[in-house]
Amino acid sequence: MRSQDRSGAAGAGWGEVPAASTISEILRRHGKLEERAGEHPGPFQRFERKHPNELWQMDFKGHFATLQGRCHPLTVVDDHSRYALEIGACSNEQDTTVRQRLGRAFRRYGLPVAMLMDNGAPWGDAGDQPYTVFTAWLIRLGVRVIHGRPLHPQTQGKCERFHRTLNAEVIQGTSFRDLAHCQSTFDRWRHVYNYERPHDALGLSTPSTRYRASPRPFPEQLPPIEYGPGDIVRRVGQTGHLSFMNRRIRVGKAFRHHPVALRPTRQDGVLTVHFCTQQIGTIDLRQACGFVDIASSAKPCGEVLDAMPTSSTGPTATTEAIIT
């Protein structure tokens, strides 16, 4: 509850109103606040990667009107340094547009180890599939894809904070003619933000003092998909399925026409599913049910939600296993 709401309640004769956290704790102590296993992440903790390019955060800021249409600002921020790698004035939020903008950042700064994004398009699927053609492209580049916890924007706190600053210092109160006007304004401000503007979280240093480009260059052609000699390789069909041991397994349309690797684990009958260097699912052939859902059984990792399964079930010869 915000402080002004609490003071207003007190002024209305209700007395001193406890903080929201205090109310929640009282309800929890008396069994009136139900929590499902794994739902409560515990106390909020800030996270920061130790080195530049270990993690980039990417998101779209809310779009706004120009005199000739709408602008959808695409932002990419380095987690360690807060360095603004890209502020793109986009006409839409589609796959091709984002690839063009992100490709510009990759060519200039190299490839990160991982990228954190929410579950919206084009890097998330509104349906039941956590991976899209866009995120499959990132994985082929050797970039690990991490999705934020659904309905928890604080997972991408650095992007959220950056958006507030961008709005306050650039967008709010400005009348933009078109996307070109937006882009030139963004580019000028990005230089100020990175090289001149002190940042509170950096001890009033600038992001440029903590950032350096990645040593991993952006390949103009995607590298071939290769797996190890111990991997069981299957090609994903047009519908997003593959065949294995007389079973039809749903991997997801993001991986259509690509080979994936099935790797046996120490548990008999349990295999992990990999696309390039990223694990995208688990199959348990010992179970009677044929349903494996990465999206709903993903597990948290710190403040981010890895698209990895924590539990799975596998098919019989007549059922379909789903790994999306």
Protein backbone atom coordinates (compact mmCIF):
# COMPACT_ATOMS: atom_id res chain seq x y z
CA MET A 1 0.00 0.00 0.00
CA ARG A 2 1.45 3.37 -0.94
CA SER A 3 2.25 5.85 1.83
CA GLN A 4 -0.26 8.40 0.57
CA ASP A 5 -3.02 5.76 0.63
CA ARG A 6 -2.11 4.80 4.20
CA SER A 7 -2.09 8.40 5.41
CA GLY A 8 -5.39 9.03 3.65
CA ALA A 9 -6.93 6.05 5.40
CA ALA A 10 -5.68 7.30 8.75
CA GLY A 11 -7.18 10.73 8.02
CA ALA A 12 -10.53 9.11 7.32
CA GLY A 13 -10.64 7.87 10.89
CA TRP A 14 -9.40 4.35 10.32
CA GLY A 15 -6.33 4.76 12.48
CA GLU A 16 -2.81 3.80 11.49
CA VAL A 17 -2.95 1.30 8.63
CA PRO A 18 -0.20 -1.37 8.61
CA ALA A 19 2.09 -1.79 5.63
CA ALA A 20 1.04 -4.26 2.94
CA SER A 21 3.90 -6.61 3.91
CA THR A 22 2.68 -6.62 7.53
CA ILE A 23 -0.88 -7.44 6.45
CA SER A 24 0.38 -10.26 4.23
CA GLU A 25 2.45 -11.73 7.08
CA ILE A 26 -0.52 -11.66 9.47
CA LEU A 27 -2.74 -13.42 6.93
CA ARG A 28 -0.02 -15.97 6.20
CA ARG A 29 0.56 -16.67 9.90
CA HIS A 30 -3.14 -17.47 10.38
CA GLY A 31 -3.38 -19.64 7.30
CA LYS A 32 -5.52 -17.16 5.36
CA LEU A 33 -3.08 -16.62 2.52
CA GLU A 34 -2.62 -19.66 0.33
CA GLU A 35 0.70 -20.13 -1.48
CA ARG A 36 1.30 -22.87 -3.97
CA ALA A 37 4.63 -24.64 -3.87
CA GLY A 38 7.31 -22.70 -5.64
CA GLU A 39 5.08 -19.67 -6.21
CA HIS A 40 6.61 -17.36 -3.62
CA PRO A 41 10.16 -16.45 -4.64
CA GLY A 42 11.22 -15.31 -1.17
CA PRO A 43 12.65 -11.91 -0.27
CA PHE A 44 13.39 -9.62 -3.19
CA GLN A 45 17.08 -9.59 -4.06
CA ARG A 46 18.80 -7.46 -6.64
CA PHE A 47 21.00 -9.30 -9.06
CA GLU A 48 23.84 -8.13 -11.22
CA ARG A 49 26.11 -10.17 -13.46
CA LYS A 50 29.79 -9.91 -12.63
CA HIS A 51 31.04 -9.03 -16.10
CA PRO A 52 29.80 -7.14 -19.18
CA ASN A 53 27.95 -9.20 -21.80
CA GLU A 54 27.15 -12.05 -19.44
CA LEU A 55 23.51 -10.97 -19.70
CA TRP A 56 21.68 -8.45 -21.84
CA GLN A 57 18.12 -7.44 -20.98
CA MET A 58 15.77 -6.70 -23.86
CA ASP A 59 12.25 -5.31 -23.95
CA PHE A 60 9.86 -3.02 -25.77
CA LYS A 61 8.90 0.19 -24.04
CA GLY A 62 5.26 1.13 -24.44
CA HIS A 63 4.63 2.56 -27.89
CA PHE A 64 3.64 6.17 -28.42
CA ALA A 65 2.23 8.33 -31.20
CA THR A 66 4.22 10.43 -33.65
CA LEU A 67 2.78 12.77 -36.27
CA GLN A 68 3.07 9.97 -38.85
CA GLY A 69 2.26 6.79 -36.93
CA ARG A 70 3.43 5.05 -33.80
CA CYS A 71 6.89 4.34 -32.42
CA HIS A 72 7.72 1.11 -30.59
CA PRO A 73 11.04 1.69 -28.76
CA LEU A 74 13.15 -1.46 -28.53
CA THR A 75 15.70 -1.28 -25.71
CA VAL A 76 18.68 -3.51 -24.93
CA VAL A 77 20.68 -2.94 -21.72
CA ASP A 78 23.79 -4.71 -20.41
CA ASP A 79 23.02 -6.14 -16.98
CA HIS A 80 26.42 -5.53 -15.40
CA SER A 81 27.15 -2.00 -16.60
CA ARG A 82 23.65 -0.64 -17.41
CA TYR A 83 25.13 0.35 -20.77
CA ALA A 84 22.38 1.06 -23.30
CA LEU A 85 23.31 -1.10 -26.28
CA GLU A 86 20.31 -0.25 -28.44
CA ILE A 87 17.33 2.08 -28.45
CA GLY A 88 15.52 1.34 -31.68
CA ALA A 89 12.65 3.40 -33.04
CA CYS A 90 10.61 0.54 -34.51
CA SER A 91 7.38 0.66 -36.50
CA ASN A 92 6.21 -2.66 -35.03
CA GLU A 93 7.21 -5.44 -32.63
CA GLN A 94 7.69 -8.21 -35.18
CA ASP A 95 10.46 -10.78 -35.62
CA THR A 96 12.11 -9.26 -38.71
CA THR A 97 12.19 -5.76 -37.24
CA VAL A 98 13.76 -6.94 -33.99
CA ARG A 99 16.38 -9.03 -35.80
CA GLN A 100 17.44 -6.00 -37.84
CA ARG A 101 17.80 -3.82 -34.76
CA LEU A 102 19.46 -6.50 -32.67
CA GLY A 103 21.80 -7.37 -35.53
CA ARG A 104 23.01 -3.77 -35.45
CA ALA A 105 23.89 -4.12 -31.76
CA PHE A 106 25.53 -7.52 -32.33
CA ARG A 107 27.74 -6.13 -35.09
CA ARG A 108 28.81 -3.22 -32.93
CA TYR A 109 29.24 -4.92 -29.57
CA GLY A 110 29.50 -8.66 -30.28
CA LEU A 111 27.36 -11.44 -28.85
CA PRO A 112 26.35 -11.77 -25.19
CA VAL A 113 26.37 -15.04 -23.28
CA ALA A 114 22.65 -14.81 -22.52
CA MET A 115 19.66 -12.56 -23.04
CA LEU A 116 16.77 -12.01 -20.64
CA MET A 117 13.36 -11.09 -22.03
CA ASP A 118 9.72 -11.31 -21.05
CA ASN A 119 7.13 -13.69 -22.48
CA GLY A 120 5.67 -11.37 -25.11
CA ALA A 121 6.12 -11.52 -28.87
CA PRO A 122 8.36 -12.02 -30.75
CA TRP A 123 10.53 -13.74 -28.14
CA GLY A 124 7.66 -15.36 -26.28
CA ASP A 125 4.52 -17.17 -27.40
CA ALA A 126 1.09 -16.22 -26.14
CA GLY A 127 0.15 -19.90 -26.45
CA ASP A 128 1.81 -22.84 -24.78
CA GLN A 129 5.24 -22.65 -26.42
CA PRO A 130 8.07 -20.78 -24.65
CA TYR A 131 10.27 -20.72 -27.76
CA THR A 132 9.67 -18.89 -31.03
CA VAL A 133 11.45 -18.72 -34.39
CA PHE A 134 13.15 -15.58 -33.08
CA THR A 135 14.52 -17.22 -29.94
CA ALA A 136 15.60 -20.26 -31.98
CA TRP A 137 17.65 -17.80 -34.06
CA LEU A 138 19.30 -16.48 -30.90
CA ILE A 139 20.10 -20.00 -29.73
CA ARG A 140 21.71 -20.79 -33.09
CA LEU A 141 23.93 -17.76 -32.56
CA GLY A 142 25.07 -19.28 -29.28
CA VAL A 143 23.06 -16.87 -27.10
CA ARG A 144 21.29 -18.48 -24.17
CA VAL A 145 17.61 -17.50 -24.01
CA ILE A 146 16.09 -16.75 -20.60
CA HIS A 147 12.49 -15.69 -20.04
CA GLY A 148 11.37 -13.62 -17.08
CA ARG A 149 8.85 -14.87 -14.56
CA PRO A 150 5.36 -14.30 -16.01
CA LEU A 151 3.58 -11.28 -14.51
CA HIS A 152 6.76 -10.26 -12.64
CA PRO A 153 8.20 -7.22 -14.48
CA GLN A 154 10.70 -6.72 -11.63
CA THR A 155 12.65 -9.62 -13.12
CA GLN A 156 13.73 -7.14 -15.78
CA GLY A 157 14.16 -4.33 -13.31
CA LYS A 158 17.01 -2.69 -15.18
CA CYS A 159 14.91 -2.41 -18.34
CA GLU A 160 11.95 -1.10 -16.36
CA ARG A 161 14.11 1.54 -14.69
CA PHE A 162 15.73 2.46 -18.00
CA HIS A 163 12.29 2.90 -19.57
CA ARG A 164 11.22 5.30 -16.84
CA THR A 165 14.35 7.38 -17.40
CA LEU A 166 13.92 7.32 -21.17
CA ASN A 167 10.33 8.43 -20.85
CA ALA A 168 11.08 11.22 -18.38
CA GLU A 169 14.13 12.64 -20.14
CA VAL A 170 13.31 12.06 -23.81
CA ILE A 171 9.77 11.04 -24.72
CA GLN A 172 7.48 12.84 -22.31
CA GLY A 173 6.42 16.25 -23.58
CA THR A 174 8.15 15.84 -26.97
CA SER A 175 6.30 15.92 -30.29
CA PHE A 176 8.02 13.59 -32.74
CA ARG A 177 7.51 13.99 -36.49
CA ASP A 178 8.28 10.42 -37.50
CA LEU A 179 10.47 7.40 -36.72
CA ALA A 180 13.58 9.07 -38.14
CA HIS A 181 13.09 11.95 -35.71
CA CYS A 182 12.63 9.45 -32.88
CA GLN A 183 15.78 7.55 -33.83
CA SER A 184 18.02 10.60 -34.08
CA THR A 185 16.77 11.78 -30.68
CA PHE A 186 17.30 8.34 -29.15
CA ASP A 187 20.84 8.12 -30.56
CA ARG A 188 21.87 11.49 -29.12
CA TRP A 189 20.42 10.68 -25.71
CA ARG A 190 21.95 7.18 -25.68
CA HIS A 191 25.41 8.76 -25.93
CA VAL A 192 24.61 11.11 -23.04
CA TYR A 193 23.22 8.23 -20.98
CA ASN A 194 26.24 5.99 -21.57
CA TYR A 195 29.07 8.52 -21.41
CA GLU A 196 27.95 11.65 -19.56
CA ARG A 197 25.03 10.97 -17.25
CA PRO A 198 26.03 9.64 -13.78
CA HIS A 199 24.20 6.52 -12.64
CA ASP A 200 23.14 6.09 -9.00
CA ALA A 201 23.53 2.30 -9.06
CA LEU A 202 27.11 2.70 -10.34
CA GLY A 203 28.22 5.07 -7.60
CA LEU A 204 27.62 8.04 -9.91
CA SER A 205 29.93 6.59 -12.55
CA THR A 206 28.75 6.30 -16.15
CA PRO A 207 27.86 2.98 -17.79
CA SER A 208 30.74 3.40 -20.26
CA THR A 209 33.26 3.06 -17.42
CA ARG A 210 32.07 -0.49 -16.76
CA TYR A 211 31.32 -1.73 -20.25
CA ARG A 212 33.53 -3.31 -22.87
CA ALA A 213 32.54 -5.02 -26.11
CA SER A 214 32.16 -8.79 -26.29
CA PRO A 215 35.00 -10.83 -27.82
CA ARG A 216 32.40 -13.02 -29.57
CA PRO A 217 31.77 -11.61 -33.07
CA PHE A 218 28.41 -11.72 -34.80
CA PRO A 219 28.49 -14.23 -37.70
CA GLU A 220 26.92 -12.96 -40.90
CA GLN A 221 25.94 -16.57 -41.67
CA LEU A 222 24.47 -18.89 -39.07
CA PRO A 223 26.88 -21.63 -37.99
CA PRO A 224 25.97 -25.25 -38.79
CA ILE A 225 24.11 -27.23 -36.14
CA GLU A 226 26.42 -29.93 -34.81
CA TYR A 227 26.01 -32.42 -32.00
CA GLY A 228 28.28 -34.87 -30.22
CA PRO A 229 28.83 -38.53 -31.14
CA GLY A 230 26.83 -39.71 -28.12
CA ASP A 231 23.74 -37.68 -29.01
CA ILE A 232 20.61 -39.17 -30.57
CA VAL A 233 19.78 -36.74 -33.36
CA ARG A 234 16.27 -36.34 -34.78
CA ARG A 235 14.93 -33.77 -37.22
CA VAL A 236 11.81 -31.82 -36.24
CA GLY A 237 9.05 -32.05 -38.83
CA GLN A 238 6.78 -29.41 -40.31
CA THR A 239 4.25 -29.69 -37.49
CA GLY A 240 6.89 -29.36 -34.77
CA HIS A 241 7.07 -33.09 -33.99
CA LEU A 242 9.77 -35.74 -34.13
CA SER A 243 9.69 -39.55 -33.92
CA PHE A 244 11.57 -41.54 -31.32
CA MET A 245 11.09 -45.17 -30.20
CA ASN A 246 7.69 -45.41 -31.92
CA ARG A 247 6.56 -42.25 -30.20
CA ARG A 248 5.48 -38.95 -31.67
CA ILE A 249 7.04 -36.18 -29.62
CA ARG A 250 6.02 -32.54 -29.88
CA VAL A 251 9.04 -30.23 -29.69
CA GLY A 252 7.53 -27.02 -31.00
CA LYS A 253 7.15 -25.20 -34.30
CA ALA A 254 10.07 -22.91 -33.49
CA PHE A 255 12.38 -25.82 -34.33
CA ARG A 256 10.73 -27.01 -37.54
CA HIS A 257 13.14 -28.59 -40.05
CA HIS A 258 16.04 -28.37 -37.57
CA PRO A 259 17.86 -31.29 -35.91
CA VAL A 260 17.66 -31.60 -32.14
CA ALA A 261 19.65 -33.88 -29.84
CA LEU A 262 18.25 -36.34 -27.30
CA ARG A 263 20.76 -37.12 -24.54
CA PRO A 264 20.34 -39.99 -22.09
CA THR A 265 20.71 -39.06 -18.44
CA ARG A 266 21.79 -41.11 -15.43
CA GLN A 267 18.14 -42.00 -14.92
CA ASP A 268 17.09 -44.89 -17.10
CA GLY A 269 14.43 -43.80 -19.59
CA VAL A 270 14.95 -40.07 -19.04
CA LEU A 271 16.44 -37.98 -21.84
CA THR A 272 17.12 -34.28 -22.15
CA VAL A 273 16.27 -32.48 -25.39
CA HIS A 274 18.72 -29.93 -26.79
CA PHE A 275 18.70 -27.43 -29.61
CA CYS A 276 22.27 -26.39 -30.38
CA THR A 277 23.77 -25.58 -26.96
CA GLN A 278 20.51 -25.03 -25.04
CA GLN A 279 18.42 -27.63 -23.27
CA ILE A 280 14.80 -27.14 -24.31
CA GLY A 281 13.08 -30.03 -22.58
CA THR A 282 13.08 -33.43 -20.87
CA ILE A 283 11.38 -36.67 -21.85
CA ASP A 284 10.59 -39.39 -19.30
CA LEU A 285 9.80 -42.59 -21.19
CA ARG A 286 8.95 -44.46 -17.96
CA GLN A 287 5.68 -42.66 -17.39
CA ALA A 288 2.35 -43.71 -18.92
CA CYS A 289 1.16 -40.19 -19.69
CA GLY A 290 2.55 -38.48 -22.77
CA PHE A 291 2.71 -34.86 -21.66
CA VAL A 292 5.85 -32.80 -21.06
CA ASP A 293 5.25 -29.06 -20.79
CA ILE A 294 8.28 -26.79 -20.55
CA ALA A 295 6.20 -23.63 -20.20
CA SER A 296 4.23 -24.66 -17.11
CA SER A 297 6.99 -26.65 -15.41
CA ALA A 298 9.77 -24.12 -15.84
CA LYS A 299 11.84 -23.49 -12.75
CA PRO A 300 13.12 -20.22 -11.28
CA CYS A 301 16.82 -19.42 -11.26
CA GLY A 302 17.42 -16.48 -8.93
CA GLU A 303 15.18 -13.68 -10.21
CA VAL A 304 14.88 -15.11 -13.69
CA LEU A 305 12.88 -18.01 -15.00
CA ASP A 306 14.82 -20.45 -17.11
CA ALA A 307 12.80 -22.23 -19.79
CA MET A 308 13.75 -25.58 -18.33
CA PRO A 309 11.51 -28.39 -17.07
CA THR A 310 11.59 -29.59 -13.49
CA SER A 311 9.24 -32.50 -14.03
CA SER A 312 8.00 -34.41 -17.01
CA THR A 313 6.01 -37.37 -18.11
CA GLY A 314 6.49 -39.55 -21.11
CA PRO A 315 4.37 -41.38 -23.68
CA THR A 316 3.20 -44.85 -24.32
CA ALA A 317 3.41 -46.18 -27.85
CA THR A 318 0.00 -44.75 -28.69
CA THR A 319 0.22 -41.32 -27.05
CA GLU A 320 1.89 -38.06 -27.92
CA ALA A 321 4.61 -36.45 -25.83
CA ILE A 322 4.55 -32.66 -25.80
CA ILE A 323 7.75 -30.70 -25.13
CA THR A 324 6.61 -27.15 -25.73
